PDB file of N, CA and C in Angstrom:
ATOM      1  N   MET A   1     142.227 -88.010-101.856  1.00  0.00           N
ATOM      2  CA  MET A   1     143.554 -87.616-101.390  1.00  0.00           C
ATOM      3  C   MET A   1     143.894 -86.222-101.933  1.00  0.00           C
ATOM      4  N   LYS A   2     144.377 -85.384-101.047  1.00  0.00           N
ATOM      5  CA  LYS A   2     144.800 -84.043-101.450  1.00  0.00           C
ATOM      6  C   LYS A   2     146.217 -84.157-101.999  1.00  0.00           C
ATOM      7  N   PHE A   3     146.438 -83.591-103.184  1.00  0.00           N
ATOM      8  CA  PHE A   3     147.750 -83.719-103.807  1.00  0.00           C
ATOM      9  C   PHE A   3     148.761 -82.756-103.207  1.00  0.00           C
ATOM     10  N   ASN A   4     149.927 -83.255-102.940  1.00  0.00           N
ATOM     11  CA  ASN A   4     151.024 -82.451-102.398  1.00  0.00           C
ATOM     12  C   ASN A   4     152.029 -82.201-103.530  1.00  0.00           C
ATOM     13  N   PRO A   5     152.113 -80.956-104.029  1.00  0.00           N
ATOM     14  CA  PRO A   5     153.009 -80.671-105.163  1.00  0.00           C
ATOM     15  C   PRO A   5     154.495 -80.897-104.849  1.00  0.00           C
ATOM     16  N   GLN A   6     154.867 -80.919-103.592  1.00  0.00           N
ATOM     17  CA  GLN A   6     156.273 -81.150-103.237  1.00  0.00           C
ATOM     18  C   GLN A   6     156.626 -82.634-103.163  1.00  0.00           C
ATOM     19  N   LEU A   7     155.622 -83.480-103.313  1.00  0.00           N
ATOM     20  CA  LEU A   7     155.836 -84.906-103.108  1.00  0.00           C
ATOM     21  C   LEU A   7     156.948 -85.485-103.981  1.00  0.00           C
ATOM     22  N   LYS A   8     156.956 -85.152-105.258  1.00  0.00           N
ATOM     23  CA  LYS A   8     157.977 -85.689-106.163  1.00  0.00           C
ATOM     24  C   LYS A   8     159.372 -85.289-105.684  1.00  0.00           C
ATOM     25  N   GLN A   9     159.545 -83.999-105.330  1.00  0.00           N
ATOM     26  CA  GLN A   9     160.860 -83.541-104.839  1.00  0.00           C
ATOM     27  C   GLN A   9     161.221 -84.236-103.526  1.00  0.00           C
ATOM     28  N   GLU A  10     160.214 -84.422-102.663  1.00  0.00           N
ATOM     29  CA  GLU A  10     160.481 -85.092-101.380  1.00  0.00           C
ATOM     30  C   GLU A  10     160.963 -86.520-101.621  1.00  0.00           C
ATOM     31  N   ILE A  11     160.334 -87.233-102.541  1.00  0.00           N
ATOM     32  CA  ILE A  11     160.733 -88.609-102.842  1.00  0.00           C
ATOM     33  C   ILE A  11     162.119 -88.624-103.496  1.00  0.00           C
ATOM     34  N   GLU A  12     162.397 -87.642-104.351  1.00  0.00           N
ATOM     35  CA  GLU A  12     163.706 -87.541-105.024  1.00  0.00           C
ATOM     36  C   GLU A  12     164.857 -87.468-104.003  1.00  0.00           C
ATOM     37  N   ARG A  13     164.611 -86.870-102.856  1.00  0.00           N
ATOM     38  CA  ARG A  13     165.660 -86.713-101.834  1.00  0.00           C
ATOM     39  C   ARG A  13     166.193 -88.055-101.330  1.00  0.00           C
ATOM     40  N   TYR A  14     165.459 -89.122-101.572  1.00  0.00           N
ATOM     41  CA  TYR A  14     165.850 -90.444-101.058  1.00  0.00           C
ATOM     42  C   TYR A  14     166.590 -91.292-102.081  1.00  0.00           C
ATOM     43  N   LYS A  15     166.899 -90.714-103.233  1.00  0.00           N
ATOM     44  CA  LYS A  15     167.493 -91.513-104.322  1.00  0.00           C
ATOM     45  C   LYS A  15     168.860 -92.105-103.984  1.00  0.00           C
ATOM     46  N   ASP A  16     169.583 -91.496-103.046  1.00  0.00           N
ATOM     47  CA  ASP A  16     170.902 -92.063-102.702  1.00  0.00           C
ATOM     48  C   ASP A  16     170.841 -92.973-101.475  1.00  0.00           C
ATOM     49  N   TYR A  17     169.657 -93.247-100.983  1.00  0.00           N
ATOM     50  CA  TYR A  17     169.490 -94.171 -99.857  1.00  0.00           C
ATOM     51  C   TYR A  17     169.608 -95.610-100.354  1.00  0.00           C
ATOM     52  N   VAL A  18     169.919 -96.504 -99.431  1.00  0.00           N
ATOM     53  CA  VAL A  18     169.840 -97.937 -99.700  1.00  0.00           C
ATOM     54  C   VAL A  18     168.396 -98.312 -99.370  1.00  0.00           C
ATOM     55  N   ILE A  19     167.708 -98.903-100.326  1.00  0.00           N
ATOM     56  CA  ILE A  19     166.300 -99.256-100.128  1.00  0.00           C
ATOM     57  C   ILE A  19     166.154-100.779-100.145  1.00  0.00           C
ATOM     58  N   LEU A  20     165.540-101.320 -99.103  1.00  0.00           N
ATOM     59  CA  LEU A  20     165.291-102.758 -99.025  1.00  0.00           C
ATOM     60  C   LEU A  20     163.817-103.003 -99.314  1.00  0.00           C
ATOM     61  N   VAL A  21     163.541-103.874-100.282  1.00  0.00           N
ATOM     62  CA  VAL A  21     162.166-104.160-100.692  1.00  0.00           C
ATOM     63  C   VAL A  21     161.910-105.670-100.663  1.00  0.00           C
ATOM     64  N   GLU A  22     160.635-106.032-100.767  1.00  0.00           N
ATOM     65  CA  GLU A  22     160.278-107.448-100.687  1.00  0.00           C
ATOM     66  C   GLU A  22     160.679-108.250-101.920  1.00  0.00           C
ATOM     67  N   GLY A  23     160.247-107.837-103.107  1.00  0.00           N
ATOM     68  CA  GLY A  23     160.446-108.681-104.282  1.00  0.00           C
ATOM     69  C   GLY A  23     160.962-107.952-105.508  1.00  0.00           C
ATOM     70  N   GLN A  24     161.097-108.717-106.589  1.00  0.00           N
ATOM     71  CA  GLN A  24     161.675-108.213-107.838  1.00  0.00           C
ATOM     72  C   GLN A  24     160.844-107.096-108.469  1.00  0.00           C
ATOM     73  N   LYS A  25     159.517-107.183-108.388  1.00  0.00           N
ATOM     74  CA  LYS A  25     158.669-106.130-108.962  1.00  0.00           C
ATOM     75  C   LYS A  25     158.909-104.806-108.244  1.00  0.00           C
ATOM     76  N   ASP A  26     159.150-104.887-106.928  1.00  0.00           N
ATOM     77  CA  ASP A  26     159.440-103.682-106.140  1.00  0.00           C
ATOM     78  C   ASP A  26     160.772-103.074-106.590  1.00  0.00           C
ATOM     79  N   VAL A  27     161.774-103.938-106.802  1.00  0.00           N
ATOM     80  CA  VAL A  27     163.089-103.485-107.273  1.00  0.00           C
ATOM     81  C   VAL A  27     162.919-102.765-108.612  1.00  0.00           C
ATOM     82  N   SER A  28     162.195-103.395-109.540  1.00  0.00           N
ATOM     83  CA  SER A  28     161.996-102.827-110.875  1.00  0.00           C
ATOM     84  C   SER A  28     161.297-101.477-110.819  1.00  0.00           C
ATOM     85  N   SER A  29     160.271-101.369-109.981  1.00  0.00           N
ATOM     86  CA  SER A  29     159.506-100.134-109.858  1.00  0.00           C
ATOM     87  C   SER A  29     160.394 -98.989-109.348  1.00  0.00           C
ATOM     88  N   LEU A  30     161.188 -99.267-108.318  1.00  0.00           N
ATOM     89  CA  LEU A  30     162.055 -98.223-107.757  1.00  0.00           C
ATOM     90  C   LEU A  30     163.186 -97.858-108.716  1.00  0.00           C
ATOM     91  N   LYS A  31     163.751 -98.851-109.396  1.00  0.00           N
ATOM     92  CA  LYS A  31     164.815 -98.559-110.375  1.00  0.00           C
ATOM     93  C   LYS A  31     164.258 -97.694-111.503  1.00  0.00           C
ATOM     94  N   ALA A  32     163.009 -97.942-111.909  1.00  0.00           N
ATOM     95  CA  ALA A  32     162.370 -97.136-112.955  1.00  0.00           C
ATOM     96  C   ALA A  32     162.177 -95.688-112.494  1.00  0.00           C
ATOM     97  N   CYS A  33     162.125 -95.481-111.190  1.00  0.00           N
ATOM     98  CA  CYS A  33     161.994 -94.127-110.620  1.00  0.00           C
ATOM     99  C   CYS A  33     163.364 -93.469-110.414  1.00  0.00           C
ATOM    100  N   GLY A  34     164.439 -94.197-110.705  1.00  0.00           N
ATOM    101  CA  GLY A  34     165.773 -93.619-110.574  1.00  0.00           C
ATOM    102  C   GLY A  34     166.532 -93.990-109.314  1.00  0.00           C
ATOM    103  N   PHE A  35     166.014 -94.930-108.535  1.00  0.00           N
ATOM    104  CA  PHE A  35     166.732 -95.391-107.344  1.00  0.00           C
ATOM    105  C   PHE A  35     167.747 -96.437-107.797  1.00  0.00           C
ATOM    106  N   ASP A  36     168.987 -96.337-107.319  1.00  0.00           N
ATOM    107  CA  ASP A  36     170.042 -97.271-107.735  1.00  0.00           C
ATOM    108  C   ASP A  36     170.310 -98.379-106.732  1.00  0.00           C
ATOM    109  N   LYS A  37     170.300 -98.032-105.456  1.00  0.00           N
ATOM    110  CA  LYS A  37     170.704 -98.992-104.422  1.00  0.00           C
ATOM    111  C   LYS A  37     169.472 -99.683-103.829  1.00  0.00           C
ATOM    112  N   VAL A  38     168.881-100.553-104.640  1.00  0.00           N
ATOM    113  CA  VAL A  38     167.670-101.255-104.219  1.00  0.00           C
ATOM    114  C   VAL A  38     167.996-102.741-104.073  1.00  0.00           C
ATOM    115  N   TYR A  39     167.691-103.295-102.922  1.00  0.00           N
ATOM    116  CA  TYR A  39     167.983-104.701-102.646  1.00  0.00           C
ATOM    117  C   TYR A  39     166.701-105.449-102.325  1.00  0.00           C
ATOM    118  N   GLN A  40     166.578-106.622-102.910  1.00  0.00           N
ATOM    119  CA  GLN A  40     165.424-107.489-102.684  1.00  0.00           C
ATOM    120  C   GLN A  40     165.682-108.330-101.439  1.00  0.00           C
ATOM    121  N   ILE A  41     164.738-108.304-100.495  1.00  0.00           N
ATOM    122  CA  ILE A  41     164.883-109.077 -99.255  1.00  0.00           C
ATOM    123  C   ILE A  41     164.643-110.567 -99.517  1.00  0.00           C
ATOM    124  N   HIS A  42     163.601-110.882-100.294  1.00  0.00           N
ATOM    125  CA  HIS A  42     163.278-112.297-100.548  1.00  0.00           C
ATOM    126  C   HIS A  42     164.276-112.924-101.512  1.00  0.00           C
ATOM    127  N   LYS A  43     164.804-114.064-101.108  1.00  0.00           N
ATOM    128  CA  LYS A  43     165.703-114.815-101.979  1.00  0.00           C
ATOM    129  C   LYS A  43     165.413-116.285-101.713  1.00  0.00           C
ATOM    130  N   THR A  44     165.148-117.033-102.760  1.00  0.00           N
ATOM    131  CA  THR A  44     164.797-118.439-102.628  1.00  0.00           C
ATOM    132  C   THR A  44     165.866-119.211-101.854  1.00  0.00           C
ATOM    133  N   SER A  45     165.427-120.026-100.929  1.00  0.00           N
ATOM    134  CA  SER A  45     166.289-120.905-100.119  1.00  0.00           C
ATOM    135  C   SER A  45     167.267-120.162 -99.210  1.00  0.00           C
ATOM    136  N   VAL A  46     166.985-118.891 -98.921  1.00  0.00           N
ATOM    137  CA  VAL A  46     167.847-118.122 -98.011  1.00  0.00           C
ATOM    138  C   VAL A  46     166.942-117.528 -96.924  1.00  0.00           C
ATOM    139  N   SER A  47     167.328-117.695 -95.664  1.00  0.00           N
ATOM    140  CA  SER A  47     166.499-117.160 -94.577  1.00  0.00           C
ATOM    141  C   SER A  47     166.574-115.629 -94.595  1.00  0.00           C
ATOM    142  N   LEU A  48     165.599-115.001 -93.957  1.00  0.00           N
ATOM    143  CA  LEU A  48     165.576-113.536 -93.904  1.00  0.00           C
ATOM    144  C   LEU A  48     166.859-113.013 -93.260  1.00  0.00           C
ATOM    145  N   ARG A  49     167.259-113.623 -92.155  1.00  0.00           N
ATOM    146  CA  ARG A  49     168.483-113.176 -91.467  1.00  0.00           C
ATOM    147  C   ARG A  49     169.705-113.295 -92.386  1.00  0.00           C
ATOM    148  N   GLU A  50     169.857-114.435 -93.055  1.00  0.00           N
ATOM    149  CA  GLU A  50     171.006-114.630 -93.956  1.00  0.00           C
ATOM    150  C   GLU A  50     171.012-113.566 -95.056  1.00  0.00           C
ATOM    151  N   ARG A  51     169.835-113.306 -95.618  1.00  0.00           N
ATOM    152  CA  ARG A  51     169.735-112.337 -96.708  1.00  0.00           C
ATOM    153  C   ARG A  51     170.078-110.934 -96.219  1.00  0.00           C
ATOM    154  N   ILE A  52     169.585-110.552 -95.052  1.00  0.00           N
ATOM    155  CA  ILE A  52     169.880-109.224 -94.496  1.00  0.00           C
ATOM    156  C   ILE A  52     171.383-109.107 -94.229  1.00  0.00           C
ATOM    157  N   GLU A  53     171.987-110.178 -93.722  1.00  0.00           N
ATOM    158  CA  GLU A  53     173.438-110.168 -93.470  1.00  0.00           C
ATOM    159  C   GLU A  53     174.211-110.040 -94.780  1.00  0.00           C
ATOM    160  N   GLU A  54     173.740-110.712 -95.844  1.00  0.00           N
ATOM    161  CA  GLU A  54     174.371-110.589 -97.181  1.00  0.00           C
ATOM    162  C   GLU A  54     174.336-109.131 -97.649  1.00  0.00           C
ATOM    163  N   ILE A  55     173.167-108.525 -97.527  1.00  0.00           N
ATOM    164  CA  ILE A  55     172.995-107.133 -97.966  1.00  0.00           C
ATOM    165  C   ILE A  55     173.870-106.208 -97.118  1.00  0.00           C
ATOM    166  N   ALA A  56     173.875-106.446 -95.807  1.00  0.00           N
ATOM    167  CA  ALA A  56     174.653-105.597 -94.891  1.00  0.00           C
ATOM    168  C   ALA A  56     176.135-105.579 -95.269  1.00  0.00           C
ATOM    169  N   LYS A  57     176.644-106.703 -95.762  1.00  0.00           N
ATOM    170  CA  LYS A  57     178.057-106.782 -96.168  1.00  0.00           C
ATOM    171  C   LYS A  57     178.334-105.934 -97.410  1.00  0.00           C
ATOM    172  N   GLN A  58     177.286-105.685 -98.211  1.00  0.00           N
ATOM    173  CA  GLN A  58     177.457-104.943 -99.466  1.00  0.00           C
ATOM    174  C   GLN A  58     177.305-103.430 -99.313  1.00  0.00           C
ATOM    175  N   ILE A  59     176.818-102.990 -98.157  1.00  0.00           N
ATOM    176  CA  ILE A  59     176.580-101.554 -97.996  1.00  0.00           C
ATOM    177  C   ILE A  59     177.506-100.954 -96.937  1.00  0.00           C
ATOM    178  N   ASP A  60     177.733 -99.681 -97.057  1.00  0.00           N
ATOM    179  CA  ASP A  60     178.546 -98.949 -96.098  1.00  0.00           C
ATOM    180  C   ASP A  60     177.678 -98.666 -94.876  1.00  0.00           C
ATOM    181  N   LYS A  61     178.204 -98.896 -93.691  1.00  0.00           N
ATOM    182  CA  LYS A  61     177.429 -98.691 -92.463  1.00  0.00           C
ATOM    183  C   LYS A  61     176.984 -97.237 -92.292  1.00  0.00           C
ATOM    184  N   LYS A  62     177.650 -96.317 -92.997  1.00  0.00           N
ATOM    185  CA  LYS A  62     177.288 -94.898 -92.880  1.00  0.00           C
ATOM    186  C   LYS A  62     176.108 -94.540 -93.788  1.00  0.00           C
ATOM    187  N   GLU A  63     175.771 -95.425 -94.720  1.00  0.00           N
ATOM    188  CA  GLU A  63     174.677 -95.128 -95.648  1.00  0.00           C
ATOM    189  C   GLU A  63     173.329 -95.164 -94.932  1.00  0.00           C
ATOM    190  N   LYS A  64     172.421 -94.344 -95.436  1.00  0.00           N
ATOM    191  CA  LYS A  64     171.072 -94.340 -94.878  1.00  0.00           C
ATOM    192  C   LYS A  64     170.286 -95.469 -95.527  1.00  0.00           C
ATOM    193  N   VAL A  65     169.600 -96.238 -94.692  1.00  0.00           N
ATOM    194  CA  VAL A  65     168.874 -97.406 -95.163  1.00  0.00           C
ATOM    195  C   VAL A  65     167.390 -97.237 -94.837  1.00  0.00           C
ATOM    196  N   CYS A  66     166.557 -97.552 -95.816  1.00  0.00           N
ATOM    197  CA  CYS A  66     165.109 -97.502 -95.627  1.00  0.00           C
ATOM    198  C   CYS A  66     164.522 -98.849 -96.033  1.00  0.00           C
ATOM    199  N   ILE A  67     163.692 -99.398 -95.174  1.00  0.00           N
ATOM    200  CA  ILE A  67     162.992-100.644 -95.484  1.00  0.00           C
ATOM    201  C   ILE A  67     161.642-100.249 -96.075  1.00  0.00           C
ATOM    202  N   LEU A  68     161.430-100.629 -97.327  1.00  0.00           N
ATOM    203  CA  LEU A  68     160.164-100.298 -97.988  1.00  0.00           C
ATOM    204  C   LEU A  68     159.404-101.575 -98.325  1.00  0.00           C
ATOM    205  N   THR A  69     158.785-102.135 -97.320  1.00  0.00           N
ATOM    206  CA  THR A  69     157.921-103.283 -97.572  1.00  0.00           C
ATOM    207  C   THR A  69     156.504-102.748 -97.764  1.00  0.00           C
ATOM    208  N   ASP A  70     155.630-103.587 -98.302  1.00  0.00           N
ATOM    209  CA  ASP A  70     154.246-103.158 -98.495  1.00  0.00           C
ATOM    210  C   ASP A  70     153.613-102.837 -97.139  1.00  0.00           C
ATOM    211  N   PHE A  71     152.494-102.121 -97.198  1.00  0.00           N
ATOM    212  CA  PHE A  71     151.844-101.682 -95.965  1.00  0.00           C
ATOM    213  C   PHE A  71     150.729-102.622 -95.522  1.00  0.00           C
ATOM    214  N   ASP A  72     150.720-103.846 -96.077  1.00  0.00           N
ATOM    215  CA  ASP A  72     149.750-104.842 -95.632  1.00  0.00           C
ATOM    216  C   ASP A  72     150.317-105.580 -94.412  1.00  0.00           C
ATOM    217  N   ARG A  73     149.551-106.517 -93.862  1.00  0.00           N
ATOM    218  CA  ARG A  73     149.974-107.218 -92.641  1.00  0.00           C
ATOM    219  C   ARG A  73     151.310-107.944 -92.845  1.00  0.00           C
ATOM    220  N   LYS A  74     151.436-108.662 -93.965  1.00  0.00           N
ATOM    221  CA  LYS A  74     152.656-109.415 -94.248  1.00  0.00           C
ATOM    222  C   LYS A  74     153.854-108.469 -94.393  1.00  0.00           C
ATOM    223  N   GLY A  75     153.651-107.364 -95.100  1.00  0.00           N
ATOM    224  CA  GLY A  75     154.723-106.381 -95.293  1.00  0.00           C
ATOM    225  C   GLY A  75     155.185-105.767 -93.984  1.00  0.00           C
ATOM    226  N   LYS A  76     154.228-105.484 -93.100  1.00  0.00           N
ATOM    227  CA  LYS A  76     154.566-104.898 -91.789  1.00  0.00           C
ATOM    228  C   LYS A  76     155.355-105.896 -90.948  1.00  0.00           C
ATOM    229  N   GLU A  77     154.976-107.178 -91.048  1.00  0.00           N
ATOM    230  CA  GLU A  77     155.683-108.240 -90.326  1.00  0.00           C
ATOM    231  C   GLU A  77     157.145-108.315 -90.797  1.00  0.00           C
ATOM    232  N   ILE A  78     157.323-108.326 -92.114  1.00  0.00           N
ATOM    233  CA  ILE A  78     158.674-108.384 -92.697  1.00  0.00           C
ATOM    234  C   ILE A  78     159.466-107.136 -92.286  1.00  0.00           C
ATOM    235  N   TYR A  79     158.803-105.989 -92.289  1.00  0.00           N
ATOM    236  CA  TYR A  79     159.440-104.732 -91.883  1.00  0.00           C
ATOM    237  C   TYR A  79     159.991-104.849 -90.457  1.00  0.00           C
ATOM    238  N   MET A  80     159.155-105.329 -89.539  1.00  0.00           N
ATOM    239  CA  MET A  80     159.570-105.420 -88.131  1.00  0.00           C
ATOM    240  C   MET A  80     160.745-106.390 -87.943  1.00  0.00           C
ATOM    241  N   LYS A  81     160.687-107.537 -88.610  1.00  0.00           N
ATOM    242  CA  LYS A  81     161.769-108.520 -88.498  1.00  0.00           C
ATOM    243  C   LYS A  81     163.065-107.965 -89.096  1.00  0.00           C
ATOM    244  N   THR A  82     162.957-107.343 -90.274  1.00  0.00           N
ATOM    245  CA  THR A  82     164.128-106.791 -90.956  1.00  0.00           C
ATOM    246  C   THR A  82     164.749-105.674 -90.131  1.00  0.00           C
ATOM    247  N   LYS A  83     163.905-104.819 -89.585  1.00  0.00           N
ATOM    248  CA  LYS A  83     164.365-103.693 -88.760  1.00  0.00           C
ATOM    249  C   LYS A  83     165.173-104.206 -87.568  1.00  0.00           C
ATOM    250  N   ALA A  84     164.664-105.236 -86.893  1.00  0.00           N
ATOM    251  CA  ALA A  84     165.352-105.800 -85.722  1.00  0.00           C
ATOM    252  C   ALA A  84     166.731-106.354 -86.106  1.00  0.00           C
ATOM    253  N   ILE A  85     166.807-107.057 -87.228  1.00  0.00           N
ATOM    254  CA  ILE A  85     168.085-107.639 -87.672  1.00  0.00           C
ATOM    255  C   ILE A  85     169.072-106.527 -88.021  1.00  0.00           C
ATOM    256  N   LEU A  86     168.620-105.508 -88.755  1.00  0.00           N
ATOM    257  CA  LEU A  86     169.506-104.404 -89.139  1.00  0.00           C
ATOM    258  C   LEU A  86     170.022-103.657 -87.910  1.00  0.00           C
ATOM    259  N   GLN A  87     169.152-103.457 -86.929  1.00  0.00           N
ATOM    260  CA  GLN A  87     169.581-102.769 -85.703  1.00  0.00           C
ATOM    261  C   GLN A  87     170.630-103.598 -84.968  1.00  0.00           C
ATOM    262  N   GLU A  88     170.437-104.918 -84.940  1.00  0.00           N
ATOM    263  CA  GLU A  88     171.437-105.807 -84.322  1.00  0.00           C
ATOM    264  C   GLU A  88     172.788-105.667 -85.018  1.00  0.00           C
ATOM    265  N   LEU A  89     172.742-105.479 -86.342  1.00  0.00           N
ATOM    266  CA  LEU A  89     173.973-105.370 -87.134  1.00  0.00           C
ATOM    267  C   LEU A  89     174.572-103.962 -87.090  1.00  0.00           C
ATOM    268  N   GLY A  90     173.919-103.051 -86.376  1.00  0.00           N
ATOM    269  CA  GLY A  90     174.434-101.696 -86.224  1.00  0.00           C
ATOM    270  C   GLY A  90     174.201-100.793 -87.430  1.00  0.00           C
ATOM    271  N   ILE A  91     173.188-101.116 -88.222  1.00  0.00           N
ATOM    272  CA  ILE A  91     172.893-100.299 -89.404  1.00  0.00           C
ATOM    273  C   ILE A  91     171.798 -99.310 -89.061  1.00  0.00           C
ATOM    274  N   LYS A  92     172.063 -98.045 -89.393  1.00  0.00           N
ATOM    275  CA  LYS A  92     171.108 -96.976 -89.093  1.00  0.00           C
ATOM    276  C   LYS A  92     169.959 -96.987 -90.094  1.00  0.00           C
ATOM    277  N   LEU A  93     168.757 -96.868 -89.558  1.00  0.00           N
ATOM    278  CA  LEU A  93     167.568 -96.856 -90.406  1.00  0.00           C
ATOM    279  C   LEU A  93     166.944 -95.473 -90.440  1.00  0.00           C
ATOM    280  N   ASP A  94     166.356 -95.162 -91.567  1.00  0.00           N
ATOM    281  CA  ASP A  94     165.602 -93.921 -91.720  1.00  0.00           C
ATOM    282  C   ASP A  94     164.280 -94.325 -92.362  1.00  0.00           C
ATOM    283  N   SER A  95     163.209 -94.240 -91.605  1.00  0.00           N
ATOM    284  CA  SER A  95     161.904 -94.679 -92.103  1.00  0.00           C
ATOM    285  C   SER A  95     161.061 -93.528 -92.647  1.00  0.00           C
ATOM    286  N   SER A  96     161.656 -92.351 -92.824  1.00  0.00           N
ATOM    287  CA  SER A  96     160.860 -91.204 -93.247  1.00  0.00           C
ATOM    288  C   SER A  96     160.262 -91.374 -94.640  1.00  0.00           C
ATOM    289  N   LEU A  97     160.959 -92.062 -95.563  1.00  0.00           N
ATOM    290  CA  LEU A  97     160.388 -92.308 -96.890  1.00  0.00           C
ATOM    291  C   LEU A  97     159.166 -93.220 -96.766  1.00  0.00           C
ATOM    292  N   ARG A  98     159.267 -94.196 -95.927  1.00  0.00           N
ATOM    293  CA  ARG A  98     158.135 -95.108 -95.676  1.00  0.00           C
ATOM    294  C   ARG A  98     156.922 -94.309 -95.188  1.00  0.00           C
ATOM    295  N   GLY A  99     157.155 -93.400 -94.264  1.00  0.00           N
ATOM    296  CA  GLY A  99     156.081 -92.555 -93.733  1.00  0.00           C
ATOM    297  C   GLY A  99     155.483 -91.662 -94.810  1.00  0.00           C
ATOM    298  N   LEU A 100     156.339 -91.128 -95.661  1.00  0.00           N
ATOM    299  CA  LEU A 100     155.912 -90.248 -96.753  1.00  0.00           C
ATOM    300  C   LEU A 100     154.989 -91.001 -97.726  1.00  0.00           C
ATOM    301  N   LEU A 101     155.366 -92.208 -98.071  1.00  0.00           N
ATOM    302  CA  LEU A 101     154.563 -93.014 -98.996  1.00  0.00           C
ATOM    303  C   LEU A 101     153.241 -93.449 -98.355  1.00  0.00           C
ATOM    304  N   LEU A 102     153.287 -93.723 -97.066  1.00  0.00           N
ATOM    305  CA  LEU A 102     152.071 -94.102 -96.347  1.00  0.00           C
ATOM    306  C   LEU A 102     151.081 -92.935 -96.366  1.00  0.00           C
ATOM    307  N   LYS A 103     151.587 -91.729 -96.102  1.00  0.00           N
ATOM    308  CA  LYS A 103     150.735 -90.530 -96.138  1.00  0.00           C
ATOM    309  C   LYS A 103     150.164 -90.284 -97.530  1.00  0.00           C
ATOM    310  N   ALA A 104     150.946 -90.639 -98.563  1.00  0.00           N
ATOM    311  CA  ALA A 104     150.512 -90.440 -99.949  1.00  0.00           C
ATOM    312  C   ALA A 104     149.570 -91.554-100.411  1.00  0.00           C
ATOM    313  N   LYS A 105     149.285 -92.493 -99.513  1.00  0.00           N
ATOM    314  CA  LYS A 105     148.364 -93.601 -99.786  1.00  0.00           C
ATOM    315  C   LYS A 105     148.903 -94.606-100.818  1.00  0.00           C
ATOM    316  N   VAL A 106     150.234 -94.757-100.854  1.00  0.00           N
ATOM    317  CA  VAL A 106     150.834 -95.798-101.697  1.00  0.00           C
ATOM    318  C   VAL A 106     150.869 -97.044-100.821  1.00  0.00           C
ATOM    319  N   SER A 107     150.126 -98.082-101.200  1.00  0.00           N
ATOM    320  CA  SER A 107     150.041 -99.253-100.326  1.00  0.00           C
ATOM    321  C   SER A 107     151.010-100.362-100.718  1.00  0.00           C
ATOM    322  N   HIS A 108     151.390-100.403-102.008  1.00  0.00           N
ATOM    323  CA  HIS A 108     152.301-101.446-102.476  1.00  0.00           C
ATOM    324  C   HIS A 108     153.483-100.810-103.198  1.00  0.00           C
ATOM    325  N   VAL A 109     154.668-101.227-102.824  1.00  0.00           N
ATOM    326  CA  VAL A 109     155.904-100.654-103.359  1.00  0.00           C
ATOM    327  C   VAL A 109     155.976-100.807-104.881  1.00  0.00           C
ATOM    328  N   GLU A 110     155.491-101.929-105.412  1.00  0.00           N
ATOM    329  CA  GLU A 110     155.580-102.125-106.865  1.00  0.00           C
ATOM    330  C   GLU A 110     154.766-101.074-107.630  1.00  0.00           C
ATOM    331  N   GLY A 111     153.866-100.358-106.938  1.00  0.00           N
ATOM    332  CA  GLY A 111     153.062 -99.325-107.578  1.00  0.00           C
ATOM    333  C   GLY A 111     153.680 -97.933-107.540  1.00  0.00           C
ATOM    334  N   ILE A 112     154.875 -97.795-106.966  1.00  0.00           N
ATOM    335  CA  ILE A 112     155.499 -96.472-106.828  1.00  0.00           C
ATOM    336  C   ILE A 112     155.765 -95.822-108.183  1.00  0.00           C
ATOM    337  N   HIS A 113     156.244 -96.591-109.141  1.00  0.00           N
ATOM    338  CA  HIS A 113     156.558 -96.003-110.446  1.00  0.00           C
ATOM    339  C   HIS A 113     155.290 -95.445-111.097  1.00  0.00           C
ATOM    340  N   THR A 114     154.208 -96.201-111.058  1.00  0.00           N
ATOM    341  CA  THR A 114     152.926 -95.751-111.613  1.00  0.00           C
ATOM    342  C   THR A 114     152.460 -94.500-110.870  1.00  0.00           C
ATOM    343  N   PHE A 115     152.601 -94.520-109.545  1.00  0.00           N
ATOM    344  CA  PHE A 115     152.215 -93.376-108.718  1.00  0.00           C
ATOM    345  C   PHE A 115     153.013 -92.132-109.124  1.00  0.00           C
ATOM    346  N   MET A 116     154.329 -92.299-109.311  1.00  0.00           N
ATOM    347  CA  MET A 116     155.193 -91.166-109.675  1.00  0.00           C
ATOM    348  C   MET A 116     154.801 -90.612-111.066  1.00  0.00           C
ATOM    349  N   LYS A 117     154.424 -91.502-111.970  1.00  0.00           N
ATOM    350  CA  LYS A 117     153.988 -91.064-113.295  1.00  0.00           C
ATOM    351  C   LYS A 117     152.721 -90.202-113.172  1.00  0.00           C
ATOM    352  N   LYS A 118     151.819 -90.608-112.283  1.00  0.00           N
ATOM    353  CA  LYS A 118     150.588 -89.827-112.066  1.00  0.00           C
ATOM    354  C   LYS A 118     150.942 -88.466-111.484  1.00  0.00           C
ATOM    355  N   VAL A 119     151.886 -88.441-110.531  1.00  0.00           N
ATOM    356  CA  VAL A 119     152.319 -87.194-109.909  1.00  0.00           C
ATOM    357  C   VAL A 119     152.875 -86.257-110.981  1.00  0.00           C
ATOM    358  N   GLU A 120     153.707 -86.805-111.872  1.00  0.00           N
ATOM    359  CA  GLU A 120     154.302 -85.995-112.949  1.00  0.00           C
ATOM    360  C   GLU A 120     153.214 -85.456-113.873  1.00  0.00           C
ATOM    361  N   GLY A 121     152.185 -86.258-114.126  1.00  0.00           N
ATOM    362  CA  GLY A 121     151.097 -85.848-115.000  1.00  0.00           C
ATOM    363  C   GLY A 121     150.284 -84.692-114.465  1.00  0.00           C
ATOM    364  N   ILE A 122     150.330 -84.490-113.143  1.00  0.00           N
ATOM    365  CA  ILE A 122     149.551 -83.422-112.524  1.00  0.00           C
ATOM    366  C   ILE A 122     150.199 -82.060-112.749  1.00  0.00           C
ATOM    367  N   TYR A 123     151.517 -82.049-112.966  1.00  0.00           N
ATOM    368  CA  TYR A 123     152.212 -80.759-113.133  1.00  0.00           C
ATOM    369  C   TYR A 123     151.822 -80.067-114.411  1.00  0.00           C
TER     370      TYR A 123
END
């Protein structure tokens, strides 16, 4: 992978976005990177739709929302279902951070903090 020196700054631009992730490890990784508005999609005994509706009630409709599920088959499935529900609820999505991480070859969200540490080490 060719290193992009602007990558850290590009990722920093998303710190005020609402980020939806699969699990607790993903939440922890993003919070360690300085993201504040991180919501876990998976919640025991709550359907995906119910959980997305719960989250939607907590955020401002004007906020930019990014779904950051893993890039494996299961993560892509969750991404598509979550995206459809959010669009039904009238919430605007911005998937550019997802695209940025995919290009950087980050395959699992819980690895973002480790990835960012490596990026910092290159400077």
